Amino acid sequence: MSSGRGGRGGRGGNRHDSPPRTVLVSKALSRLLRHAAVQERIPIDNHGYVRMDHLLGWQRLRSMKPPVTFDEIVQVIQDNEKKRFALKYVTQEINPEHTDVPTTTNESQTTEQAETETEAQTETETQRAISQFEVLTINNDIDTKRFFIRATQGHSMKAVEAENLLTPITLDDEANIPDAVVHGTFYGAWEPILTSGGLKSMSRNHVHFATGPNLEEVQQNIVPGETTKGGLGSVLGKNKVISGMRSDAQILIYIDIRRALAEEKEMRWWRSENGVILTEGVGDKDKIVPTKYFLAAYEIKEGVGKLWEDGKVVTELPENLRSRALPRGKGAGGQRGRGRGGGRG
């Protein structure tokens, strides 16, 4: 089966002021693999995998001019700095009606090994699949039924079970507990977060956290009364990309994960394949990451500095910041793109 390499990297007739084609493809993949596969009637298994032939047959990708190719999908996977997508190649003969990815990719790998893949192993699996794609492309012998793709985190579909694609974080495995667990949010979400009593996942399955920057870095780089040029980028230094947080975050909320693990046995924590820390929170109905586990919170752009410490507000966010509009897609009322967030930030 041909890979259709001709479409790689082109803009496909987009207007000159439209996002690059690779961005459009990446956004489409994120939407389908995280949120819309069930709605779009694209088969997805409980590990979050979609078979490549089903993906390429999705109307949204087929309707782009020219239609999106397997080659472009591989390009998006390789170019995504946050490693939002994972690719798997299987050697077994695939039944055309079979939609689930086989548990193993070779006869020597046990089911238990497959279910406990580490982040590094998953990345290696993706690179192996890409290498296999490149070899098969040269031989013009690609079978898209043998390739499977999934989003590494950020799912809202209940059909995707967290235990199947995330690594648990527990006190029993000290080495897997991150030094920093930080949630990036925005001025307009800060008050709703406090009012609601903490962070909520809202329309997603989990609240998302990054593993940096460390609190010490923020304390050293954020000077109260001084505007921080570059915001989060200034704190991150050379590492401008961090999974689990938007680059335009205005407030950083640090979580005492060890205390949460010790006190809230029902609040489970995971690490995704691309290093994002996730939790559903705790609670019978509306799950939440309570404010009592907020280690600290810092405003990082306008010189306000420390907002929260020792379980209480230490500096009020000025009204001119509280009243700022939220970025598109972030909100405090529960609707995507217009007030979604309600404490998730």
C-alpha atoms as a PDB file:
ATOM      1  CA  MET A   1       0.000   0.000   0.000  1.00  0.00           C
ATOM      2  CA  SER A   2       1.387   3.348  -0.953  1.00  0.00           C
ATOM      3  CA  SER A   3       1.980   5.962   1.735  1.00  0.00           C
ATOM      4  CA  GLY A   4       1.064   8.900  -0.491  1.00  0.00           C
ATOM      5  CA  ARG A   5       4.123  10.951   0.324  1.00  0.00           C
ATOM      6  CA  GLY A   6       3.235  13.762  -2.050  1.00  0.00           C
ATOM      7  CA  GLY A   7       1.316  15.758   0.544  1.00  0.00           C
ATOM      8  CA  ARG A   8       4.089  16.148   3.073  1.00  0.00           C
ATOM      9  CA  GLY A   9       4.634  19.643   4.415  1.00  0.00           C
ATOM     10  CA  GLY A  10       2.423  21.421   1.878  1.00  0.00           C
ATOM     11  CA  ARG A  11      -0.177  23.974   2.802  1.00  0.00           C
ATOM     12  CA  GLY A  12      -2.776  22.325   0.630  1.00  0.00           C
ATOM     13  CA  GLY A  13      -4.390  25.486  -0.656  1.00  0.00           C
ATOM     14  CA  ASN A  14      -4.731  27.216   2.710  1.00  0.00           C
ATOM     15  CA  ARG A  15      -4.873  30.968   2.717  1.00  0.00           C
ATOM     16  CA  HIS A  16      -1.565  32.713   3.280  1.00  0.00           C
ATOM     17  CA  ASP A  17      -2.652  33.834   6.735  1.00  0.00           C
ATOM     18  CA  SER A  18      -3.879  30.397   7.829  1.00  0.00           C
ATOM     19  CA  PRO A  19      -1.914  28.187  10.234  1.00  0.00           C
ATOM     20  CA  PRO A  20       0.640  25.877   8.585  1.00  0.00           C
ATOM     21  CA  ARG A  21      -0.818  22.622   7.363  1.00  0.00           C
ATOM     22  CA  THR A  22       1.153  20.634   9.943  1.00  0.00           C
ATOM     23  CA  VAL A  23      -0.531  22.659  12.703  1.00  0.00           C
ATOM     24  CA  LEU A  24      -3.964  21.967  11.229  1.00  0.00           C
ATOM     25  CA  VAL A  25      -3.193  18.256  11.021  1.00  0.00           C
ATOM     26  CA  SER A  26      -1.869  18.203  14.596  1.00  0.00           C
ATOM     27  CA  LYS A  27      -4.976  19.943  15.930  1.00  0.00           C
ATOM     28  CA  ALA A  28      -7.207  17.528  14.042  1.00  0.00           C
ATOM     29  CA  LEU A  29      -5.333  14.543  15.483  1.00  0.00           C
ATOM     30  CA  SER A  30      -5.550  15.954  19.010  1.00  0.00           C
ATOM     31  CA  ARG A  31      -9.283  16.492  18.701  1.00  0.00           C
ATOM     32  CA  LEU A  32      -9.994  13.011  17.378  1.00  0.00           C
ATOM     33  CA  LEU A  33      -7.628  11.016  19.596  1.00  0.00           C
ATOM     34  CA  ARG A  34      -8.401  12.935  22.797  1.00  0.00           C
ATOM     35  CA  HIS A  35     -12.047  13.853  22.500  1.00  0.00           C
ATOM     36  CA  ALA A  36     -13.982  12.873  19.382  1.00  0.00           C
ATOM     37  CA  ALA A  37     -13.210   9.337  18.167  1.00  0.00           C
ATOM     38  CA  VAL A  38     -16.384   7.865  19.661  1.00  0.00           C
ATOM     39  CA  GLN A  39     -18.491  10.762  18.398  1.00  0.00           C
ATOM     40  CA  GLU A  40     -16.957  10.457  14.925  1.00  0.00           C
ATOM     41  CA  ARG A  41     -17.447   6.668  14.959  1.00  0.00           C
ATOM     42  CA  ILE A  42     -13.757   5.987  14.552  1.00  0.00           C
ATOM     43  CA  PRO A  43     -12.878   2.738  16.411  1.00  0.00           C
ATOM     44  CA  ILE A  44     -10.685   3.426  19.468  1.00  0.00           C
ATOM     45  CA  ASP A  45      -9.662   0.866  22.075  1.00  0.00           C
ATOM     46  CA  ASN A  46      -9.430   1.372  25.836  1.00  0.00           C
ATOM     47  CA  HIS A  47      -5.694   2.068  25.489  1.00  0.00           C
ATOM     48  CA  GLY A  48      -6.519   5.060  23.281  1.00  0.00           C
ATOM     49  CA  TYR A  49      -5.222   3.497  20.064  1.00  0.00           C
ATOM     50  CA  VAL A  50      -6.755   4.111  16.627  1.00  0.00           C
ATOM     51  CA  ARG A  51      -5.701   2.016  13.660  1.00  0.00           C
ATOM     52  CA  MET A  52      -3.971   4.067  10.980  1.00  0.00           C
ATOM     53  CA  ASP A  53      -6.254   3.044   8.121  1.00  0.00           C
ATOM     54  CA  HIS A  54      -9.247   4.152  10.176  1.00  0.00           C
ATOM     55  CA  LEU A  55      -7.539   7.464  10.978  1.00  0.00           C
ATOM     56  CA  LEU A  56      -6.667   8.193   7.356  1.00  0.00           C
ATOM     57  CA  GLY A  57     -10.236   7.342   6.382  1.00  0.00           C
ATOM     58  CA  TRP A  58     -11.623   9.999   8.770  1.00  0.00           C
ATOM     59  CA  GLN A  59     -13.599  12.548   6.758  1.00  0.00           C
ATOM     60  CA  ARG A  60     -11.868  15.575   8.296  1.00  0.00           C
ATOM     61  CA  LEU A  61      -8.449  14.400   7.083  1.00  0.00           C
ATOM     62  CA  ARG A  62      -9.767  13.220   3.725  1.00  0.00           C
ATOM     63  CA  SER A  63     -11.452  16.583   3.090  1.00  0.00           C
ATOM     64  CA  MET A  64      -8.227  18.578   3.435  1.00  0.00           C
ATOM     65  CA  LYS A  65      -6.732  19.593   0.092  1.00  0.00           C
ATOM     66  CA  PRO A  66      -4.863  17.414  -0.692  1.00  0.00           C
ATOM     67  CA  PRO A  67      -6.033  14.642   1.676  1.00  0.00           C
ATOM     68  CA  VAL A  68      -3.741  14.026   4.633  1.00  0.00           C
ATOM     69  CA  THR A  69      -1.236  11.222   4.091  1.00  0.00           C
ATOM     70  CA  PHE A  70       0.446   8.739   6.406  1.00  0.00           C
ATOM     71  CA  ASP A  71       3.714  10.567   5.706  1.00  0.00           C
ATOM     72  CA  GLU A  72       2.247  13.784   7.111  1.00  0.00           C
ATOM     73  CA  ILE A  73       1.015  11.976  10.226  1.00  0.00           C
ATOM     74  CA  VAL A  74       4.563  10.724  10.842  1.00  0.00           C
ATOM     75  CA  GLN A  75       5.908  14.235  10.331  1.00  0.00           C
ATOM     76  CA  VAL A  76       3.503  15.623  12.947  1.00  0.00           C
ATOM     77  CA  ILE A  77       4.521  12.917  15.438  1.00  0.00           C
ATOM     78  CA  GLN A  78       8.221  13.645  14.890  1.00  0.00           C
ATOM     79  CA  ASP A  79       7.912  17.421  14.985  1.00  0.00           C
ATOM     80  CA  ASN A  80       5.728  17.702  18.082  1.00  0.00           C
ATOM     81  CA  GLU A  81       8.045  18.934  20.811  1.00  0.00           C
ATOM     82  CA  LYS A  82       5.655  17.963  23.574  1.00  0.00           C
ATOM     83  CA  LYS A  83       5.417  14.372  22.270  1.00  0.00           C
ATOM     84  CA  ARG A  84       1.630  14.431  22.235  1.00  0.00           C
ATOM     85  CA  PHE A  85       1.326  11.337  20.041  1.00  0.00           C
ATOM     86  CA  ALA A  86       2.618   7.763  20.217  1.00  0.00           C
ATOM     87  CA  LEU A  87       2.899   5.341  17.300  1.00  0.00           C
ATOM     88  CA  LYS A  88       3.029   1.550  17.432  1.00  0.00           C
ATOM     89  CA  TYR A  89       3.788  -1.040  14.738  1.00  0.00           C
ATOM     90  CA  VAL A  90       2.696  -4.651  15.135  1.00  0.00           C
ATOM     91  CA  THR A  91       4.137  -7.641  13.326  1.00  0.00           C
ATOM     92  CA  GLN A  92       1.154  -9.964  13.702  1.00  0.00           C
ATOM     93  CA  GLU A  93      -1.325 -10.543  10.939  1.00  0.00           C
ATOM     94  CA  ILE A  94      -4.223  -8.167  11.575  1.00  0.00           C
ATOM     95  CA  ASN A  95      -7.820  -9.182  11.041  1.00  0.00           C
ATOM     96  CA  PRO A  96      -9.434  -6.429   8.928  1.00  0.00           C
ATOM     97  CA  GLU A  97     -12.325  -6.261  11.402  1.00  0.00           C
ATOM     98  CA  HIS A  98     -10.041  -6.057  14.444  1.00  0.00           C
ATOM     99  CA  THR A  99      -9.782  -2.565  15.924  1.00  0.00           C
ATOM    100  CA  ASP A 100      -7.729  -3.100  19.084  1.00  0.00           C
ATOM    101  CA  VAL A 101      -3.965  -2.874  19.012  1.00  0.00           C
ATOM    102  CA  PRO A 102      -2.399  -6.260  19.868  1.00  0.00           C
ATOM    103  CA  THR A 103      -0.961  -6.283  23.376  1.00  0.00           C
ATOM    104  CA  THR A 104       2.526  -7.228  22.187  1.00  0.00           C
ATOM    105  CA  THR A 105       4.697  -6.270  19.252  1.00  0.00           C
ATOM    106  CA  ASN A 106       6.830  -9.397  19.371  1.00  0.00           C
ATOM    107  CA  GLU A 107       6.487 -12.901  20.720  1.00  0.00           C
ATOM    108  CA  SER A 108       8.970 -12.418  23.556  1.00  0.00           C
ATOM    109  CA  GLN A 109       7.183  -9.470  25.173  1.00  0.00           C
ATOM    110  CA  THR A 110       4.722 -10.551  27.863  1.00  0.00           C
ATOM    111  CA  THR A 111       1.379  -8.922  28.569  1.00  0.00           C
ATOM    112  CA  GLU A 112       2.671  -7.681  31.916  1.00  0.00           C
ATOM    113  CA  GLN A 113       5.661  -6.030  30.238  1.00  0.00           C
ATOM    114  CA  ALA A 114       3.418  -4.330  27.693  1.00  0.00           C
ATOM    115  CA  GLU A 115       1.149  -2.945  30.407  1.00  0.00           C
ATOM    116  CA  THR A 116       4.052  -1.474  32.375  1.00  0.00           C
ATOM    117  CA  GLU A 117       5.774   0.388  29.596  1.00  0.00           C
ATOM    118  CA  THR A 118       7.867   3.262  30.836  1.00  0.00           C
ATOM    119  CA  GLU A 119       7.956   6.655  29.184  1.00  0.00           C
ATOM    120  CA  ALA A 120      11.342   5.809  27.623  1.00  0.00           C
ATOM    121  CA  GLN A 121      10.083   2.467  26.324  1.00  0.00           C
ATOM    122  CA  THR A 122       7.060   4.094  24.736  1.00  0.00           C
ATOM    123  CA  GLU A 123       9.230   6.699  23.041  1.00  0.00           C
ATOM    124  CA  THR A 124      11.462   3.899  21.763  1.00  0.00           C
ATOM    125  CA  GLU A 125       8.357   2.084  20.488  1.00  0.00           C
ATOM    126  CA  THR A 126       7.358   5.202  18.573  1.00  0.00           C
ATOM    127  CA  GLN A 127      10.806   5.554  17.051  1.00  0.00           C
ATOM    128  CA  ARG A 128      10.799   1.871  16.122  1.00  0.00           C
ATOM    129  CA  ALA A 129       7.457   2.310  14.388  1.00  0.00           C
ATOM    130  CA  ILE A 130       8.720   5.358  12.509  1.00  0.00           C
ATOM    131  CA  SER A 131      11.823   3.456  11.420  1.00  0.00           C
ATOM    132  CA  GLN A 132       9.628   0.615  10.217  1.00  0.00           C
ATOM    133  CA  PHE A 133       7.485   3.105   8.314  1.00  0.00           C
ATOM    134  CA  GLU A 134      10.554   4.547   6.574  1.00  0.00           C
ATOM    135  CA  VAL A 135      11.821   1.090   5.542  1.00  0.00           C
ATOM    136  CA  LEU A 136       8.424   0.021   4.253  1.00  0.00           C
ATOM    137  CA  THR A 137       8.033   3.317   2.396  1.00  0.00           C
ATOM    138  CA  ILE A 138      11.258   2.661   0.483  1.00  0.00           C
ATOM    139  CA  ASN A 139       9.923  -0.765  -0.431  1.00  0.00           C
ATOM    140  CA  ASN A 140       6.485   0.677  -1.196  1.00  0.00           C
ATOM    141  CA  ASP A 141       5.019  -1.984   1.083  1.00  0.00           C
ATOM    142  CA  ILE A 142       3.100  -0.121   3.792  1.00  0.00           C
ATOM    143  CA  ASP A 143       0.152  -1.841   5.437  1.00  0.00           C
ATOM    144  CA  THR A 144      -1.650   0.839   7.454  1.00  0.00           C
ATOM    145  CA  LYS A 145      -3.557  -1.846   9.385  1.00  0.00           C
ATOM    146  CA  ARG A 146      -0.317  -2.667  11.225  1.00  0.00           C
ATOM    147  CA  PHE A 147       0.182   0.885  12.564  1.00  0.00           C
ATOM    148  CA  PHE A 148      -1.668   2.339  15.544  1.00  0.00           C
ATOM    149  CA  ILE A 149      -1.639   5.897  16.922  1.00  0.00           C
ATOM    150  CA  ARG A 150      -2.810   7.427  20.182  1.00  0.00           C
ATOM    151  CA  ALA A 151      -2.649  10.692  22.094  1.00  0.00           C
ATOM    152  CA  THR A 152      -0.354  10.376  25.097  1.00  0.00           C
ATOM    153  CA  GLN A 153      -2.662  12.306  27.463  1.00  0.00           C
ATOM    154  CA  GLY A 154      -5.508  14.812  27.620  1.00  0.00           C
ATOM    155  CA  HIS A 155      -8.407  12.435  26.918  1.00  0.00           C
ATOM    156  CA  SER A 156     -12.006  13.297  27.697  1.00  0.00           C
ATOM    157  CA  MET A 157     -13.503  10.039  26.344  1.00  0.00           C
ATOM    158  CA  LYS A 158     -14.512   7.623  29.079  1.00  0.00           C
ATOM    159  CA  ALA A 159     -13.819   4.748  26.657  1.00  0.00           C
ATOM    160  CA  VAL A 160     -10.094   5.361  27.210  1.00  0.00           C
ATOM    161  CA  GLU A 161      -9.053   3.949  30.581  1.00  0.00           C
ATOM    162  CA  ALA A 162      -6.252   5.829  32.325  1.00  0.00           C
ATOM    163  CA  GLU A 163      -4.722   2.687  33.776  1.00  0.00           C
ATOM    164  CA  ASN A 164      -4.015   1.434  30.265  1.00  0.00           C
ATOM    165  CA  LEU A 165      -1.804   4.299  29.082  1.00  0.00           C
ATOM    166  CA  LEU A 166      -0.491   5.963  32.250  1.00  0.00           C
ATOM    167  CA  THR A 167       2.114   4.968  34.824  1.00  0.00           C
ATOM    168  CA  PRO A 168       0.847   5.119  38.434  1.00  0.00           C
ATOM    169  CA  ILE A 169       2.679   7.354  40.901  1.00  0.00           C
ATOM    170  CA  THR A 170       2.760   5.942  44.427  1.00  0.00           C
ATOM    171  CA  LEU A 171       4.720   6.362  47.642  1.00  0.00           C
ATOM    172  CA  ASP A 172       5.997   2.815  47.116  1.00  0.00           C
ATOM    173  CA  ASP A 173       8.035   3.987  44.124  1.00  0.00           C
ATOM    174  CA  GLU A 174       9.925   7.023  45.390  1.00  0.00           C
ATOM    175  CA  ALA A 175      11.969   7.345  42.200  1.00  0.00           C
ATOM    176  CA  ASN A 176       8.819   7.947  40.148  1.00  0.00           C
ATOM    177  CA  ILE A 177       7.539  10.819  42.320  1.00  0.00           C
ATOM    178  CA  PRO A 178       8.386  14.118  40.577  1.00  0.00           C
ATOM    179  CA  ASP A 179      10.209  16.850  42.502  1.00  0.00           C
ATOM    180  CA  ALA A 180       7.847  19.470  41.098  1.00  0.00           C
ATOM    181  CA  VAL A 181       4.144  19.187  40.283  1.00  0.00           C
ATOM    182  CA  VAL A 182       2.899  22.494  38.908  1.00  0.00           C
ATOM    183  CA  HIS A 183      -0.318  23.608  37.228  1.00  0.00           C
ATOM    184  CA  GLY A 184      -0.293  26.625  34.923  1.00  0.00           C
ATOM    185  CA  THR A 185      -3.374  28.818  34.901  1.00  0.00           C
ATOM    186  CA  PHE A 186      -4.579  32.353  34.084  1.00  0.00           C
ATOM    187  CA  TYR A 187      -5.593  35.523  35.912  1.00  0.00           C
ATOM    188  CA  GLY A 188      -9.302  35.113  35.264  1.00  0.00           C
ATOM    189  CA  ALA A 189      -9.293  31.537  36.601  1.00  0.00           C
ATOM    190  CA  TRP A 190      -7.527  32.223  39.898  1.00  0.00           C
ATOM    191  CA  GLU A 191     -10.566  33.443  41.862  1.00  0.00           C
ATOM    192  CA  PRO A 192     -12.840  30.630  40.580  1.00  0.00           C
ATOM    193  CA  ILE A 193     -10.187  28.106  41.593  1.00  0.00           C
ATOM    194  CA  LEU A 194     -10.152  29.449  45.151  1.00  0.00           C
ATOM    195  CA  THR A 195     -13.945  29.772  45.299  1.00  0.00           C
ATOM    196  CA  SER A 196     -14.470  26.199  44.112  1.00  0.00           C
ATOM    197  CA  GLY A 197     -11.943  24.885  46.620  1.00  0.00           C
ATOM    198  CA  GLY A 198      -9.308  23.664  44.196  1.00  0.00           C
ATOM    199  CA  LEU A 199      -8.555  22.380  40.703  1.00  0.00           C
ATOM    200  CA  LYS A 200     -11.110  20.427  38.673  1.00  0.00           C
ATOM    201  CA  SER A 201     -10.685  18.431  35.485  1.00  0.00           C
ATOM    202  CA  MET A 202     -14.019  19.683  34.076  1.00  0.00           C
ATOM    203  CA  SER A 203     -14.540  18.252  30.569  1.00  0.00           C
ATOM    204  CA  ARG A 204     -11.293  16.259  30.577  1.00  0.00           C
ATOM    205  CA  ASN A 205     -10.623  13.055  32.461  1.00  0.00           C
ATOM    206  CA  HIS A 206      -7.812  14.583  34.542  1.00  0.00           C
ATOM    207  CA  VAL A 207      -6.242  17.766  35.865  1.00  0.00           C
ATOM    208  CA  HIS A 208      -2.888  18.270  34.110  1.00  0.00           C
ATOM    209  CA  PHE A 209       0.408  19.234  35.729  1.00  0.00           C
ATOM    210  CA  ALA A 210       3.942  19.829  34.499  1.00  0.00           C
ATOM    211  CA  THR A 211       7.117  18.734  36.288  1.00  0.00           C
ATOM    212  CA  GLY A 212       8.765  22.130  36.114  1.00  0.00           C
ATOM    213  CA  PRO A 213       9.944  24.742  36.561  1.00  0.00           C
ATOM    214  CA  ASN A 214      11.007  23.941  40.115  1.00  0.00           C
ATOM    215  CA  LEU A 215       9.670  26.207  42.844  1.00  0.00           C
ATOM    216  CA  GLU A 216      13.221  27.315  43.625  1.00  0.00           C
ATOM    217  CA  GLU A 217      13.656  28.549  40.042  1.00  0.00           C
ATOM    218  CA  VAL A 218      10.512  30.648  40.301  1.00  0.00           C
ATOM    219  CA  GLN A 219      11.556  32.086  43.654  1.00  0.00           C
ATOM    220  CA  GLN A 220      14.921  33.086  42.191  1.00  0.00           C
ATOM    221  CA  ASN A 221      13.610  34.566  38.954  1.00  0.00           C
ATOM    222  CA  ILE A 222      10.366  36.254  40.019  1.00  0.00           C
ATOM    223  CA  VAL A 223      10.971  39.537  41.876  1.00  0.00           C
ATOM    224  CA  PRO A 224       7.882  41.176  43.441  1.00  0.00           C
ATOM    225  CA  GLY A 225       7.265  44.599  41.909  1.00  0.00           C
ATOM    226  CA  GLU A 226       9.240  43.839  38.753  1.00  0.00           C
ATOM    227  CA  THR A 227       7.600  42.843  35.490  1.00  0.00           C
ATOM    228  CA  THR A 228       9.093  39.604  34.156  1.00  0.00           C
ATOM    229  CA  LYS A 229       9.827  39.924  30.469  1.00  0.00           C
ATOM    230  CA  GLY A 230       9.086  36.635  28.795  1.00  0.00           C
ATOM    231  CA  GLY A 231       6.992  35.230  31.635  1.00  0.00           C
ATOM    232  CA  LEU A 232       7.248  31.462  31.834  1.00  0.00           C
ATOM    233  CA  GLY A 233       9.945  31.428  29.166  1.00  0.00           C
ATOM    234  CA  SER A 234      12.227  33.474  31.406  1.00  0.00           C
ATOM    235  CA  VAL A 235      11.791  31.005  34.233  1.00  0.00           C
ATOM    236  CA  LEU A 236      12.344  27.979  32.003  1.00  0.00           C
ATOM    237  CA  GLY A 237      15.558  29.373  30.520  1.00  0.00           C
ATOM    238  CA  LYS A 238      16.823  27.298  27.612  1.00  0.00           C
ATOM    239  CA  ASN A 239      14.032  24.730  27.969  1.00  0.00           C
ATOM    240  CA  LYS A 240      11.188  26.643  26.329  1.00  0.00           C
ATOM    241  CA  VAL A 241       8.933  23.619  25.897  1.00  0.00           C
ATOM    242  CA  ILE A 242       7.296  21.920  28.851  1.00  0.00           C
ATOM    243  CA  SER A 243       4.614  19.254  28.597  1.00  0.00           C
ATOM    244  CA  GLY A 244       1.529  19.710  30.752  1.00  0.00           C
ATOM    245  CA  MET A 245       1.358  23.493  30.676  1.00  0.00           C
ATOM    246  CA  ARG A 246       0.594  26.222  28.172  1.00  0.00           C
ATOM    247  CA  SER A 247       3.533  28.495  27.419  1.00  0.00           C
ATOM    248  CA  ASP A 248       1.395  31.589  28.099  1.00  0.00           C
ATOM    249  CA  ALA A 249       0.517  30.554  31.671  1.00  0.00           C
ATOM    250  CA  GLN A 250       0.294  33.550  34.015  1.00  0.00           C
ATOM    251  CA  ILE A 251       0.049  31.816  37.394  1.00  0.00           C
ATOM    252  CA  LEU A 252       1.865  28.697  38.590  1.00  0.00           C
ATOM    253  CA  ILE A 253       0.269  26.533  41.284  1.00  0.00           C
ATOM    254  CA  TYR A 254       2.585  24.063  43.039  1.00  0.00           C
ATOM    255  CA  ILE A 255       1.152  20.885  44.552  1.00  0.00           C
ATOM    256  CA  ASP A 256       2.469  18.959  47.552  1.00  0.00           C
ATOM    257  CA  ILE A 257       2.091  15.578  45.839  1.00  0.00           C
ATOM    258  CA  ARG A 258       3.728  13.588  48.628  1.00  0.00           C
ATOM    259  CA  ARG A 259       1.238  14.924  51.168  1.00  0.00           C
ATOM    260  CA  ALA A 260      -1.632  14.221  48.768  1.00  0.00           C
ATOM    261  CA  LEU A 261      -0.415  10.651  48.223  1.00  0.00           C
ATOM    262  CA  ALA A 262      -0.122  10.107  51.965  1.00  0.00           C
ATOM    263  CA  GLU A 263      -3.465  11.622  52.977  1.00  0.00           C
ATOM    264  CA  GLU A 264      -5.791  10.930  50.045  1.00  0.00           C
ATOM    265  CA  LYS A 265      -5.637   7.225  49.228  1.00  0.00           C
ATOM    266  CA  GLU A 266      -8.484   7.589  46.729  1.00  0.00           C
ATOM    267  CA  MET A 267      -6.784  10.410  44.786  1.00  0.00           C
ATOM    268  CA  ARG A 268      -4.737   8.497  42.260  1.00  0.00           C
ATOM    269  CA  TRP A 269      -1.845  10.098  40.381  1.00  0.00           C
ATOM    270  CA  TRP A 270      -0.277   9.115  37.057  1.00  0.00           C
ATOM    271  CA  ARG A 271       2.538  10.076  34.713  1.00  0.00           C
ATOM    272  CA  SER A 272       1.725  10.087  30.999  1.00  0.00           C
ATOM    273  CA  GLU A 273       4.002   8.870  28.214  1.00  0.00           C
ATOM    274  CA  ASN A 274       5.165  12.414  27.489  1.00  0.00           C
ATOM    275  CA  GLY A 275       5.848  13.243  31.142  1.00  0.00           C
ATOM    276  CA  VAL A 276       2.623  15.034  32.102  1.00  0.00           C
ATOM    277  CA  ILE A 277       1.383  14.422  35.658  1.00  0.00           C
ATOM    278  CA  LEU A 278      -2.342  13.747  35.956  1.00  0.00           C
ATOM    279  CA  THR A 279      -4.982  13.112  38.582  1.00  0.00           C
ATOM    280  CA  GLU A 280      -8.757  12.912  38.624  1.00  0.00           C
ATOM    281  CA  GLY A 281      -8.787  14.528  42.050  1.00  0.00           C
ATOM    282  CA  VAL A 282     -10.849  13.323  44.977  1.00  0.00           C
ATOM    283  CA  GLY A 283     -14.519  13.496  45.877  1.00  0.00           C
ATOM    284  CA  ASP A 284     -17.733  11.558  45.540  1.00  0.00           C
ATOM    285  CA  LYS A 285     -19.233  13.579  42.699  1.00  0.00           C
ATOM    286  CA  ASP A 286     -17.246  16.600  41.537  1.00  0.00           C
ATOM    287  CA  LYS A 287     -13.651  15.468  41.932  1.00  0.00           C
ATOM    288  CA  ILE A 288     -11.150  18.136  42.893  1.00  0.00           C
ATOM    289  CA  VAL A 289      -7.507  18.698  43.864  1.00  0.00           C
ATOM    290  CA  PRO A 290      -8.158  20.586  47.123  1.00  0.00           C
ATOM    291  CA  THR A 291      -6.423  23.877  47.908  1.00  0.00           C
ATOM    292  CA  LYS A 292      -5.012  22.336  51.081  1.00  0.00           C
ATOM    293  CA  TYR A 293      -2.490  20.596  48.837  1.00  0.00           C
ATOM    294  CA  PHE A 294      -1.408  23.869  47.206  1.00  0.00           C
ATOM    295  CA  LEU A 295       2.227  24.250  48.238  1.00  0.00           C
ATOM    296  CA  ALA A 296       2.547  27.730  46.731  1.00  0.00           C
ATOM    297  CA  ALA A 297       1.224  29.860  43.870  1.00  0.00           C
ATOM    298  CA  TYR A 298       3.086  32.569  41.955  1.00  0.00           C
ATOM    299  CA  GLU A 299       2.051  35.223  39.448  1.00  0.00           C
ATOM    300  CA  ILE A 300       4.959  35.239  36.981  1.00  0.00           C
ATOM    301  CA  LYS A 301       4.464  38.178  34.602  1.00  0.00           C
ATOM    302  CA  GLU A 302       3.308  41.414  36.217  1.00  0.00           C
ATOM    303  CA  GLY A 303       5.431  41.545  39.352  1.00  0.00           C
ATOM    304  CA  VAL A 304       2.793  40.385  41.837  1.00  0.00           C
ATOM    305  CA  GLY A 305       4.862  37.381  42.842  1.00  0.00           C
ATOM    306  CA  LYS A 306       3.705  35.031  45.586  1.00  0.00           C
ATOM    307  CA  LEU A 307      -0.076  34.601  45.810  1.00  0.00           C
ATOM    308  CA  TRP A 308      -0.441  31.572  48.075  1.00  0.00           C
ATOM    309  CA  GLU A 309       1.600  29.898  50.792  1.00  0.00           C
ATOM    310  CA  ASP A 310       0.959  27.835  53.933  1.00  0.00           C
ATOM    311  CA  GLY A 311      -2.653  27.173  53.060  1.00  0.00           C
ATOM    312  CA  LYS A 312      -3.775  30.751  52.524  1.00  0.00           C
ATOM    313  CA  VAL A 313      -3.692  33.742  50.200  1.00  0.00           C
ATOM    314  CA  VAL A 314      -0.696  35.930  50.995  1.00  0.00           C
ATOM    315  CA  THR A 315      -1.144  38.478  48.186  1.00  0.00           C
ATOM    316  CA  GLU A 316      -4.382  39.441  46.471  1.00  0.00           C
ATOM    317  CA  LEU A 317      -4.367  39.465  42.707  1.00  0.00           C
ATOM    318  CA  PRO A 318      -5.010  43.097  41.614  1.00  0.00           C
ATOM    319  CA  GLU A 319      -8.402  43.851  40.094  1.00  0.00           C
ATOM    320  CA  ASN A 320      -6.899  44.861  36.746  1.00  0.00           C
ATOM    321  CA  LEU A 321      -5.475  41.331  36.436  1.00  0.00           C
ATOM    322  CA  ARG A 322      -8.488  39.479  37.861  1.00  0.00           C
ATOM    323  CA  SER A 323     -10.719  41.127  35.265  1.00  0.00           C
ATOM    324  CA  ARG A 324      -8.562  40.202  32.263  1.00  0.00           C
ATOM    325  CA  ALA A 325     -10.208  38.006  29.667  1.00  0.00           C
ATOM    326  CA  LEU A 326      -9.137  34.382  29.603  1.00  0.00           C
ATOM    327  CA  PRO A 327      -7.302  32.978  26.591  1.00  0.00           C
ATOM    328  CA  ARG A 328      -9.442  31.166  24.058  1.00  0.00           C
ATOM    329  CA  GLY A 329     -10.463  27.737  25.299  1.00  0.00           C
ATOM    330  CA  LYS A 330      -9.917  28.601  28.972  1.00  0.00           C
ATOM    331  CA  GLY A 331     -12.705  29.698  31.224  1.00  0.00           C
ATOM    332  CA  ALA A 332     -14.567  29.391  34.474  1.00  0.00           C
ATOM    333  CA  GLY A 333     -18.094  28.411  33.593  1.00  0.00           C
ATOM    334  CA  GLY A 334     -17.940  24.912  32.190  1.00  0.00           C
ATOM    335  CA  GLN A 335     -18.217  25.462  28.420  1.00  0.00           C
ATOM    336  CA  ARG A 336     -15.361  24.777  26.067  1.00  0.00           C
ATOM    337  CA  GLY A 337     -13.963  27.938  24.481  1.00  0.00           C
ATOM    338  CA  ARG A 338     -16.387  30.149  26.399  1.00  0.00           C
ATOM    339  CA  GLY A 339     -15.871  29.758  30.093  1.00  0.00           C
ATOM    340  CA  ARG A 340     -14.556  26.212  30.348  1.00  0.00           C
ATOM    341  CA  GLY A 341     -12.434  25.546  33.364  1.00  0.00           C
ATOM    342  CA  GLY A 342     -14.312  26.200  36.557  1.00  0.00           C
ATOM    343  CA  GLY A 343     -11.149  25.806  38.567  1.00  0.00           C
ATOM    344  CA  ARG A 344      -9.123  23.757  36.093  1.00  0.00           C
ATOM    345  CA  GLY A 345      -7.460  26.880  34.785  1.00  0.00           C
END
